[in-house]
């Protein structure tokens, strides 16, 4: 089981806290890790092991870009959708 790289995310945001990325040289090793390590208990926390999905990551980036564009358009045309305080 050869790993090419392992990196722990900074954890600067709640979404990345406790996240690590592992790159396997062989897809069968990656599948083996997913099959056998997902649900494994480490220090009273359970591992969630998933394959990286580039499409999902890019969709999330695209969504953030569209949200930013929408925000700019709302500011440009003076549209306020925030509930009154």
Protein backbone atom coordinates (compact mmCIF):
# COMPACT_ATOMS: atom_id res chain seq x y z
CA UNK A 1 0.00 0.00 0.00
CA UNK A 2 2.04 2.92 -1.30
CA UNK A 3 0.96 6.46 -0.53
CA UNK A 4 2.18 9.35 -2.59
CA UNK A 5 1.23 12.15 -0.20
CA UNK A 6 -0.77 12.87 2.90
CA UNK A 7 -1.83 16.35 3.94
CA UNK A 8 -3.87 17.58 6.86
CA UNK A 9 -6.11 20.56 6.19
CA UNK A 10 -5.50 23.70 8.24
CA UNK A 11 -8.89 23.56 9.87
CA UNK A 12 -9.43 27.30 9.50
CA UNK A 13 -13.11 26.77 8.79
CA UNK A 14 -15.65 24.37 10.28
CA UNK A 15 -15.84 22.58 6.90
CA UNK A 16 -12.14 21.67 6.87
CA UNK A 17 -11.56 21.02 10.57
CA UNK A 18 -10.23 17.50 11.04
CA UNK A 19 -9.86 16.89 7.30
CA UNK A 20 -6.93 15.03 5.78
CA UNK A 21 -6.13 14.12 2.19
CA UNK A 22 -4.30 10.94 1.25
CA UNK A 23 -3.15 10.15 -2.30
CA UNK A 24 -2.55 6.51 -3.16
CA UNK A 25 -0.41 5.44 -6.09
CA UNK A 26 -2.71 2.51 -6.83
CA UNK A 27 -6.50 2.82 -7.15
CA UNK A 28 -6.92 -0.61 -5.54
CA UNK A 29 -5.09 0.63 -2.42
CA UNK A 30 -7.43 3.63 -2.31
CA UNK A 31 -10.45 1.33 -2.60
CA UNK A 32 -9.06 -0.90 0.15
CA UNK A 33 -8.64 2.15 2.42
CA UNK A 34 -12.21 3.28 1.72
CA UNK A 35 -13.60 -0.18 2.35
CA UNK A 36 -11.69 -0.92 5.55
CA UNK A 37 -11.05 2.45 7.22
CA UNK A 38 -14.42 4.13 6.86
CA UNK A 39 -16.14 3.85 10.24
CA UNK A 40 -12.88 3.00 12.05
CA UNK A 41 -12.78 4.48 15.57
CA UNK A 42 -9.76 6.66 16.41
CA UNK A 43 -9.72 8.44 19.80
CA UNK A 44 -13.50 8.13 20.10
CA UNK A 45 -14.04 9.68 16.66
CA UNK A 46 -15.07 7.74 13.58
CA UNK A 47 -13.22 8.07 10.29
CA UNK A 48 -15.21 8.96 7.21
CA UNK A 49 -13.23 7.90 4.14
CA UNK A 50 -14.37 9.09 0.73
CA UNK A 51 -12.99 9.24 -2.78
CA UNK A 52 -12.12 12.73 -3.97
CA UNK A 53 -14.74 13.93 -6.42
CA UNK A 54 -13.36 16.71 -8.64
CA UNK A 55 -16.78 17.44 -10.17
CA UNK A 56 -18.30 18.10 -6.74
CA UNK A 57 -15.39 20.36 -5.74
CA UNK A 58 -15.67 22.39 -8.93
CA UNK A 59 -19.45 22.64 -8.58
CA UNK A 60 -18.99 24.05 -5.10
CA UNK A 61 -16.49 26.60 -6.42
CA UNK A 62 -18.87 27.49 -9.25
CA UNK A 63 -21.72 27.95 -6.76
CA UNK A 64 -19.64 30.34 -4.66
CA UNK A 65 -18.76 32.32 -7.79
CA UNK A 66 -22.44 32.57 -8.78
CA UNK A 67 -23.39 33.65 -5.24
CA UNK A 68 -20.77 36.40 -5.40
CA UNK A 69 -22.08 37.54 -8.81
CA UNK A 70 -25.64 37.58 -7.44
CA UNK A 71 -24.53 39.65 -4.45
CA UNK A 72 -22.88 42.20 -6.78
CA UNK A 73 -26.02 42.43 -8.93
CA UNK A 74 -28.21 42.94 -5.84
CA UNK A 75 -25.92 45.74 -4.70
CA UNK A 76 -25.89 47.28 -8.18
CA UNK A 77 -29.70 47.38 -8.42
CA UNK A 78 -30.35 48.12 -4.73
CA UNK A 79 -32.14 44.87 -3.99
CA UNK A 80 -32.18 43.93 -0.31
CA UNK A 81 -33.37 40.42 0.49
CA UNK A 82 -32.18 40.41 4.10
CA UNK A 83 -35.00 40.15 6.66
CA UNK A 84 -35.58 43.35 8.67
CA UNK A 85 -34.06 43.42 12.15
